[in-house]
Protein backbone atom coordinates (compact mmCIF):
# COMPACT_ATOMS: atom_id res chain seq x y z
CA MET A 1 2.86 21.44 46.52
CA GLU A 2 1.23 19.89 49.66
CA LEU A 3 -0.30 17.05 47.70
CA SER A 4 2.37 14.59 46.56
CA ARG A 5 2.28 13.45 42.91
CA ARG A 6 2.23 9.73 43.89
CA ARG A 7 -0.59 10.28 46.34
CA PHE A 8 -2.52 12.12 43.72
CA LEU A 9 -2.15 9.28 41.17
CA GLN A 10 -3.15 6.70 43.81
CA GLY A 11 -6.16 8.62 44.75
CA THR A 12 -7.42 9.03 41.37
CA GLY A 13 -6.96 5.28 40.54
CA ALA A 14 -4.66 6.19 37.63
CA GLY A 15 -1.94 3.80 38.74
CA VAL A 16 1.69 4.30 38.27
CA ALA A 17 2.29 7.05 35.70
CA GLY A 18 3.50 6.10 32.29
CA SER A 19 6.76 6.61 30.41
CA ALA A 20 7.89 9.67 28.63
CA LEU A 21 6.23 10.94 25.53
CA ALA A 22 8.58 8.63 23.71
CA GLY A 23 10.59 11.28 22.11
CA GLY A 24 7.46 12.64 20.63
CA LEU A 25 7.49 16.13 22.16
CA VAL A 26 10.84 16.95 20.64
CA ALA A 27 10.00 15.95 17.17
CA ALA A 28 8.64 18.51 15.04
CA GLY A 29 7.24 21.09 12.87
CA ALA A 30 8.64 20.67 9.45
CA TYR A 31 5.23 21.54 8.16
CA ALA A 32 4.58 24.60 10.31
CA ASP A 33 3.92 26.80 7.26
CA GLU A 34 1.48 24.23 5.94
CA ARG A 35 -0.35 24.12 9.20
CA ALA A 36 -0.59 27.89 9.36
CA LYS A 37 -2.48 28.14 6.04
CA ALA A 38 -6.29 28.57 5.77
CA PRO A 39 -8.21 25.28 5.97
CA ALA A 40 -7.69 23.34 2.82
CA SER A 41 -10.40 22.70 0.33
CA THR A 42 -12.31 19.36 0.44
CA ALA A 43 -11.22 18.82 -3.08
CA GLN A 44 -7.51 18.60 -2.14
CA ARG A 45 -6.10 15.28 -3.04
CA TYR A 46 -2.90 13.56 -2.18
CA GLU A 47 -1.49 11.12 -4.62
CA PHE A 48 -2.26 7.56 -3.71
CA HIS A 49 0.28 5.86 -5.93
CA GLY A 50 4.04 5.95 -5.40
CA ALA A 51 7.00 4.19 -4.02
CA HIS A 52 5.95 5.20 -0.42
CA GLN A 53 2.55 5.41 1.14
CA ALA A 54 0.94 8.85 1.76
CA GLY A 55 0.25 9.81 5.34
CA VAL A 56 3.92 9.63 6.49
CA PHE A 57 5.46 12.69 5.01
CA THR A 58 2.07 14.23 3.99
CA PRO A 59 1.52 17.65 5.68
CA GLN A 60 -0.46 16.82 8.73
CA GLN A 61 -4.32 17.03 8.39
CA SER A 62 -6.58 18.15 11.14
CA ALA A 63 -8.45 14.85 11.89
CA ALA A 64 -7.31 11.34 12.27
CA ALA A 65 -8.21 7.82 13.37
CA PHE A 66 -5.89 5.04 14.35
CA ALA A 67 -7.68 1.72 14.03
CA ALA A 68 -6.11 -1.70 14.72
CA PHE A 69 -7.64 -4.89 13.33
CA ASP A 70 -7.35 -8.66 13.77
CA VAL A 71 -7.37 -10.50 10.53
CA THR A 72 -10.10 -13.21 10.37
CA ALA A 73 -9.45 -14.36 6.85
CA GLY A 74 -9.29 -18.13 6.75
CA ASP A 75 -6.35 -18.68 4.53
CA ARG A 76 -3.69 -16.93 2.47
CA ALA A 77 -6.13 -16.55 -0.55
CA GLY A 78 -8.47 -14.70 1.79
CA LEU A 79 -5.62 -12.43 2.98
CA VAL A 80 -4.82 -11.56 -0.62
CA ARG A 81 -8.48 -10.66 -1.24
CA LEU A 82 -8.42 -8.49 1.90
CA PHE A 83 -5.43 -6.57 0.79
CA ARG A 84 -6.79 -6.13 -2.67
CA THR A 85 -10.02 -4.86 -1.26
CA LEU A 86 -8.25 -2.46 0.99
CA THR A 87 -6.36 -1.15 -1.98
CA GLU A 88 -9.55 -0.66 -4.06
CA ARG A 89 -11.29 1.16 -1.26
CA ALA A 90 -8.31 3.39 -0.42
CA ARG A 91 -7.71 4.24 -3.99
CA PHE A 92 -11.38 5.39 -4.47
CA LEU A 93 -11.77 7.17 -1.13
CA THR A 94 -8.55 9.17 -1.30
CA ALA A 95 -9.36 10.31 -4.93
CA GLY A 96 -12.97 11.02 -4.24
CA GLY A 97 -15.81 10.61 -6.80
CA THR A 98 -19.33 9.42 -7.32
CA PRO A 99 -20.20 6.09 -5.61
CA ASP A 100 -21.58 3.27 -7.83
CA ASP A 101 -25.45 3.22 -8.30
CA LEU A 102 -26.46 -0.32 -7.44
CA GLY A 103 -30.15 0.28 -8.21
CA VAL A 104 -33.19 0.68 -6.04
CA GLY A 105 -33.38 -3.00 -5.14
CA SER A 106 -29.97 -3.08 -3.47
CA PRO A 107 -28.50 -1.34 -0.38
CA PRO A 108 -26.68 1.83 -1.44
CA SER A 109 -22.94 1.49 -2.20
CA ASP A 110 -22.15 4.46 0.07
CA SER A 111 -23.41 5.77 3.43
CA ALA A 112 -23.88 9.33 1.98
CA VAL A 113 -22.25 10.69 5.23
CA LEU A 114 -20.42 13.06 2.95
CA GLY A 115 -23.34 13.60 0.52
CA PRO A 116 -24.01 12.16 -2.95
CA ASP A 117 -20.36 12.68 -4.11
CA VAL A 118 -17.39 11.71 -2.06
CA PRO A 119 -14.85 14.52 -1.70
CA ALA A 120 -11.13 13.71 -1.40
CA ASP A 121 -10.81 16.13 1.47
CA GLY A 122 -7.06 15.46 1.83
CA LEU A 123 -7.71 11.93 2.90
CA THR A 124 -4.67 9.57 3.34
CA ILE A 125 -5.06 5.90 4.32
CA THR A 126 -1.80 4.36 5.53
CA VAL A 127 -1.64 0.55 6.02
CA SER A 128 0.72 -1.13 8.36
CA VAL A 129 1.11 -4.72 9.59
CA GLY A 130 1.89 -6.10 13.09
CA SER A 131 4.10 -8.97 13.95
CA SER A 132 1.12 -11.23 14.62
CA LEU A 133 0.34 -11.29 10.95
CA PHE A 134 3.54 -13.31 10.52
CA ASP A 135 2.42 -16.30 12.64
CA ASP A 136 1.55 -19.67 11.12
CA ARG A 137 -1.83 -18.77 9.71
CA PHE A 138 -0.61 -17.47 6.30
CA GLY A 139 2.90 -18.85 5.87
CA LEU A 140 4.65 -15.55 6.28
CA ALA A 141 7.01 -16.24 9.17
CA SER A 142 10.07 -16.19 7.02
CA ARG A 143 9.07 -12.87 5.47
CA LYS A 144 8.70 -10.81 8.66
CA PRO A 145 10.58 -7.53 8.94
CA ALA A 146 13.81 -8.13 10.89
CA LYS A 147 12.92 -5.74 13.79
CA LEU A 148 9.20 -6.21 13.91
CA ARG A 149 7.84 -7.66 17.18
CA PRO A 150 5.13 -6.92 19.71
CA MET A 151 5.72 -3.58 21.36
CA PRO A 152 7.44 -4.21 24.75
CA THR A 153 6.42 -2.81 28.08
CA PHE A 154 8.91 -0.08 28.84
CA PRO A 155 9.75 0.63 32.52
CA ASP A 156 7.17 3.30 33.16
CA ASP A 157 4.35 1.89 31.00
CA THR A 158 0.93 0.74 32.25
CA LEU A 159 -0.22 -1.20 29.17
CA GLU A 160 -3.81 -2.31 28.85
CA PRO A 161 -4.13 -5.40 26.58
CA ARG A 162 -7.35 -4.24 24.97
CA TRP A 163 -5.54 -1.21 23.67
CA CYS A 164 -2.39 -2.97 22.39
CA HIS A 165 -1.02 -4.64 19.15
CA GLY A 166 -3.09 -5.93 16.19
CA ASP A 167 -2.49 -7.67 12.83
CA LEU A 168 -3.16 -4.43 10.85
CA MET A 169 -3.09 -0.77 11.75
CA LEU A 170 -4.94 1.82 9.56
CA GLN A 171 -3.97 5.42 10.01
CA LEU A 172 -6.64 7.60 8.39
CA CYS A 173 -6.10 11.30 8.17
CA ALA A 174 -8.19 14.08 6.55
CA HIS A 175 -9.11 17.74 6.85
CA ASN A 176 -12.43 17.01 8.44
CA PRO A 177 -13.40 14.27 11.00
CA ASP A 178 -16.49 13.18 9.04
CA THR A 179 -14.25 12.26 6.16
CA VAL A 180 -12.21 10.05 8.42
CA GLN A 181 -15.33 8.43 9.88
CA HIS A 182 -16.74 7.88 6.42
CA ALA A 183 -13.61 6.18 5.20
CA LEU A 184 -13.33 3.85 8.17
CA ARG A 185 -17.00 2.88 7.86
CA ASP A 186 -16.53 2.18 4.13
CA ILE A 187 -13.53 0.04 4.77
CA ALA A 188 -15.25 -1.84 7.65
CA LYS A 189 -18.28 -2.59 5.30
CA HIS A 190 -16.21 -3.99 2.44
CA THR A 191 -13.84 -6.06 4.59
CA ARG A 192 -16.38 -7.61 6.91
CA GLY A 193 -15.50 -11.26 7.45
CA ALA A 194 -11.82 -10.77 6.67
CA MET A 195 -10.80 -8.49 9.53
CA GLN A 196 -12.35 -7.41 12.81
CA ALA A 197 -11.74 -4.05 14.63
CA ARG A 198 -9.59 -4.46 17.77
CA TYR A 199 -9.44 -0.82 18.98
CA ARG A 200 -9.76 2.66 17.51
CA MET A 201 -8.74 6.12 18.67
CA ASN A 202 -9.77 9.37 16.98
CA GLY A 203 -7.33 12.31 17.10
CA PHE A 204 -7.27 15.95 16.24
CA HIS A 205 -4.52 18.30 15.34
CA SER A 206 -4.82 21.83 16.70
CA PRO A 207 -4.04 24.89 14.62
CA PRO A 208 -0.98 26.97 15.47
CA ARG A 209 -1.78 29.12 18.56
CA PRO A 210 -0.74 31.80 17.96
CA SER A 211 1.80 30.66 15.34
CA GLY A 212 4.43 28.09 14.59
CA THR A 213 4.07 24.53 15.83
CA PRO A 214 0.78 23.38 17.32
CA ARG A 215 0.42 22.57 20.96
CA ASN A 216 -0.52 19.49 22.83
CA LEU A 217 -3.06 19.26 25.68
CA MET A 218 -0.36 20.17 28.23
CA GLY A 219 -0.15 23.57 26.57
CA PHE A 220 3.32 23.10 25.11
CA LYS A 221 4.26 23.18 21.35
CA ASP A 222 4.37 19.62 20.28
CA GLY A 223 7.26 18.85 18.01
CA ILE A 224 9.82 21.42 16.97
CA ALA A 225 12.63 19.46 15.23
CA ASN A 226 11.20 16.83 12.87
CA PRO A 227 13.73 15.77 10.23
CA ALA A 228 13.11 17.38 6.86
CA GLU A 229 14.63 14.51 4.90
CA ALA A 230 13.30 10.91 4.84
CA ASP A 231 15.87 8.72 3.20
CA ASN A 232 18.18 8.54 6.21
CA VAL A 233 15.52 8.53 8.85
CA VAL A 234 12.30 6.95 7.69
CA TRP A 235 12.39 4.65 4.63
CA VAL A 236 13.90 1.13 4.72
CA ALA A 237 16.58 1.02 2.05
CA PRO A 238 17.95 -1.95 0.05
CA GLY A 239 20.68 -3.94 1.80
CA ALA A 240 19.60 -2.84 5.28
CA GLY A 241 19.12 -6.42 6.46
CA GLU A 242 15.40 -6.46 5.76
CA PRO A 243 13.43 -8.69 3.31
CA ASP A 244 13.54 -7.31 -0.18
CA TRP A 245 9.74 -6.68 -0.18
CA ALA A 246 10.13 -4.31 2.70
CA THR A 247 12.18 -1.71 0.77
CA GLY A 248 10.27 1.60 0.77
CA GLY A 249 8.43 0.74 3.88
CA SER A 250 8.83 2.03 7.43
CA TYR A 251 8.60 0.99 11.05
CA GLN A 252 5.58 2.60 12.64
CA VAL A 253 5.19 3.05 16.48
CA VAL A 254 1.80 4.04 17.82
CA ARG A 255 1.38 5.01 21.58
CA PHE A 256 -1.65 6.09 23.42
CA ILE A 257 -0.47 8.40 26.24
CA ARG A 258 -3.03 9.61 28.85
CA MET A 259 -2.28 13.07 30.18
CA LEU A 260 -3.21 13.77 33.81
CA VAL A 261 -4.04 17.32 33.05
CA GLU A 262 -5.89 18.16 36.19
CA PHE A 263 -2.80 17.45 38.20
CA TRP A 264 -0.50 19.21 35.51
CA ASP A 265 -2.65 22.36 35.82
CA ARG A 266 -1.66 22.65 39.48
CA VAL A 267 2.09 22.64 38.81
CA SER A 268 4.00 26.02 38.57
CA ILE A 269 5.05 27.24 35.16
CA THR A 270 8.73 27.09 36.20
CA GLU A 271 8.47 23.40 37.05
CA GLN A 272 6.48 22.67 33.82
CA GLU A 273 9.06 24.37 31.68
CA ASN A 274 12.03 22.68 33.45
CA MET A 275 10.39 19.32 32.83
CA PHE A 276 10.06 19.93 29.15
CA GLY A 277 13.18 22.11 28.68
CA ARG A 278 11.19 24.67 26.70
CA LYS A 279 9.38 27.91 27.32
CA ARG A 280 5.63 27.28 27.28
CA ASP A 281 4.67 30.49 25.41
CA SER A 282 7.15 30.48 22.57
CA GLY A 283 8.37 26.94 22.41
CA ALA A 284 11.96 28.14 22.54
CA PRO A 285 14.51 26.12 24.53
CA LEU A 286 15.18 27.49 27.88
CA ASP A 287 18.44 28.84 26.57
CA GLY A 288 16.96 30.38 23.46
CA ALA A 289 14.51 32.98 22.19
CA ASN A 290 12.61 31.23 19.29
CA GLU A 291 11.13 27.74 18.92
CA GLY A 292 13.46 26.98 16.09
CA ASP A 293 16.66 27.74 18.14
CA ALA A 294 18.82 24.72 18.84
CA PRO A 295 19.64 24.25 22.57
CA ASP A 296 23.33 24.73 23.27
CA TYR A 297 23.99 21.73 25.66
CA ALA A 298 27.84 22.11 25.34
CA ALA A 299 27.59 25.56 26.87
CA ASP A 300 25.45 24.27 29.73
CA PRO A 301 27.17 21.02 30.90
CA GLU A 302 25.63 21.18 34.39
CA GLY A 303 22.08 21.87 33.25
CA LYS A 304 21.68 25.22 34.86
CA ALA A 305 19.64 26.60 31.86
CA ILE A 306 18.12 23.32 30.58
CA PRO A 307 17.99 20.66 33.29
CA LEU A 308 19.80 17.42 32.62
CA THR A 309 16.52 15.65 33.31
CA SER A 310 14.42 17.67 30.93
CA HIS A 311 12.48 15.91 28.19
CA ILE A 312 14.21 17.43 25.24
CA ARG A 313 17.66 16.90 26.67
CA LEU A 314 17.07 13.23 27.44
CA ALA A 315 15.22 12.46 24.30
CA ASN A 316 17.80 14.14 21.98
CA PRO A 317 21.13 15.01 23.61
CA ARG A 318 22.33 16.14 20.28
CA THR A 319 25.56 14.23 20.33
CA PRO A 320 27.20 12.32 17.38
CA ASP A 321 26.28 8.94 19.24
CA THR A 322 22.55 9.90 19.44
CA ALA A 323 22.20 11.46 15.96
CA ALA A 324 21.12 8.16 14.44
CA SER A 325 18.11 7.92 16.81
CA ARG A 326 16.05 10.67 15.17
CA ILE A 327 12.48 9.80 14.36
CA LEU A 328 9.71 11.30 12.18
CA ARG A 329 6.83 12.14 14.52
CA ARG A 330 3.18 12.49 13.50
CA GLY A 331 1.11 12.83 16.69
CA TYR A 332 -2.45 13.81 17.44
CA ASN A 333 -4.33 14.95 20.47
CA TYR A 334 -7.34 12.88 21.67
CA ASP A 335 -10.22 13.44 24.05
CA LEU A 336 -12.33 10.45 25.30
CA GLY A 337 -14.49 12.54 27.67
CA LEU A 338 -14.39 11.29 31.30
CA ALA A 339 -12.50 8.36 32.81
CA ALA A 340 -14.22 5.99 35.24
CA ASN A 341 -12.86 8.05 38.16
CA GLY A 342 -14.45 11.23 36.81
CA ASN A 343 -11.22 12.75 35.63
CA LEU A 344 -10.76 14.19 32.09
CA ASP A 345 -9.70 11.37 29.80
CA VAL A 346 -7.45 13.20 27.35
CA GLY A 347 -3.97 12.73 25.96
CA LEU A 348 -1.74 12.13 22.93
CA ILE A 349 -1.70 9.66 20.05
CA PHE A 350 2.01 9.40 19.58
CA ALA A 351 2.97 8.07 16.17
CA CYS A 352 6.47 7.95 14.69
CA TYR A 353 8.16 6.43 11.62
CA GLN A 354 11.68 5.19 11.31
CA GLN A 355 14.09 2.80 9.54
CA ASP A 356 14.94 0.77 12.59
CA VAL A 357 12.67 0.65 15.69
CA ASP A 358 15.48 -0.46 17.97
CA ARG A 359 17.99 2.10 16.85
CA GLN A 360 15.57 4.98 16.82
CA PHE A 361 12.34 4.81 18.96
CA ALA A 362 13.46 2.30 21.55
CA ALA A 363 16.69 4.10 22.04
CA VAL A 364 14.93 7.31 22.77
CA GLN A 365 12.42 5.69 24.97
CA THR A 366 15.17 4.05 27.02
CA ARG A 367 16.82 7.50 27.61
CA LEU A 368 13.52 8.85 28.78
CA ALA A 369 12.89 6.18 31.43
CA GLY A 370 12.08 7.80 34.83
CA GLU A 371 12.09 11.38 33.57
CA PRO A 372 10.01 13.93 35.70
CA LEU A 373 7.19 13.90 33.19
CA THR A 374 6.34 10.27 34.19
CA ASP A 375 4.30 11.67 37.11
CA TYR A 376 1.89 13.40 34.64
CA ILE A 377 1.47 10.97 31.76
CA GLN A 378 0.44 7.32 31.38
CA PRO A 379 1.27 5.34 28.25
CA TYR A 380 -1.29 2.52 28.19
CA GLY A 381 -1.67 1.20 24.53
CA GLY A 382 -0.52 1.03 20.93
CA GLY A 383 1.96 -1.16 19.20
CA TYR A 384 4.83 -1.73 16.75
CA PHE A 385 3.90 -2.07 13.09
CA PHE A 386 5.45 -2.10 9.72
CA THR A 387 4.12 0.50 7.16
CA LEU A 388 3.98 -1.30 3.81
CA PRO A 389 5.76 0.08 0.74
CA GLY A 390 3.58 2.21 -1.53
CA VAL A 391 1.11 1.02 -4.19
CA ARG A 392 3.06 1.95 -7.28
CA ASP A 393 0.37 2.12 -9.96
CA ALA A 394 -3.18 0.96 -10.99
CA GLY A 395 -2.01 -2.63 -11.28
CA ASP A 396 -0.36 -2.86 -7.83
CA TRP A 397 -2.01 -3.41 -4.44
CA PHE A 398 -1.06 -3.31 -0.79
CA ALA A 399 1.26 -6.19 0.31
CA ASP A 400 1.69 -7.49 -3.31
CA SER A 401 5.45 -7.90 -2.87
CA LEU A 402 4.94 -9.43 0.53
CA LEU A 403 2.43 -11.99 -0.67
CA ALA A 404 3.86 -12.61 -4.09
């Protein structure tokens, strides 16, 4: 190519390209069969109560929003009221039903965006907390999860403060985008004065094209090896060095990754596939025939079939030493229209869950530093969060064990 990658990036004002897709493009499609089914009914409901929150292992819905908030409650009692309110609204919205009639003299209790009755529409609302919630405002410093801290800037990141961190992260997913918007609007109405929006990103999950795992906006199948089990990968277990209240929760990483697609579309298919380590049409590793085939790195020690610098090989070398760094990935595409320089502003909402953010996500991200894909992507936002344990029954509420 006559136009160098670095000159292209400088000319568009995009800055230094960001880090790798954080292991995201290697994690998977455990739910490919679910995704391939016809669109789900708006009556579909996922159970709200349980030891773990829904929205982590739930089959991935088509629409999502990731919204971070700063808590503005004045004291611990106000924080308790906030979490109780979040629980009440999430319990109603995920179940669906008829909103309360407050009478003609009062503002309506619901926006009616979804009509007179609220459908469940496969909605999940997943609540996570950031490290900043454990400062001196609410007396929670001694109860902070052991590995929770602000997301660091990795070597290839270009983080923008307005898109980073937060006291709370809400992940809302549903079969239709208006359901997600309705839920976020409802929560914002009922929590006004206790928390303030910091940033928000809407995402969409494409259907399989033509089959198997859906694709990202670079045209490659996005996630082909998600772990099918959770206990050894996702959920914090007793005796893991975490506070007792954190058992049943999970570390969540959210990353906003801009994709420089106009530049990417000028790269040869051979170079694209070598950067990913997979065939674009089928998703198969370059030494395989089907997307589910496991790459045989032992038979290719010099990287003649799958380059040593390819994304899948760096992210998951498939050795005994790296087996413990698997993550559960749950990503979404996003489209913000046009950037200030006139380029398409599109990319990936990378989200993953794990027991230990250092052993898992950070280890993968460190291996990916400087990979060839860094010329085509730009991580610029997100954060580290801890997904709270589930609301066990009608008498329980988000963060009850934390604030007890």
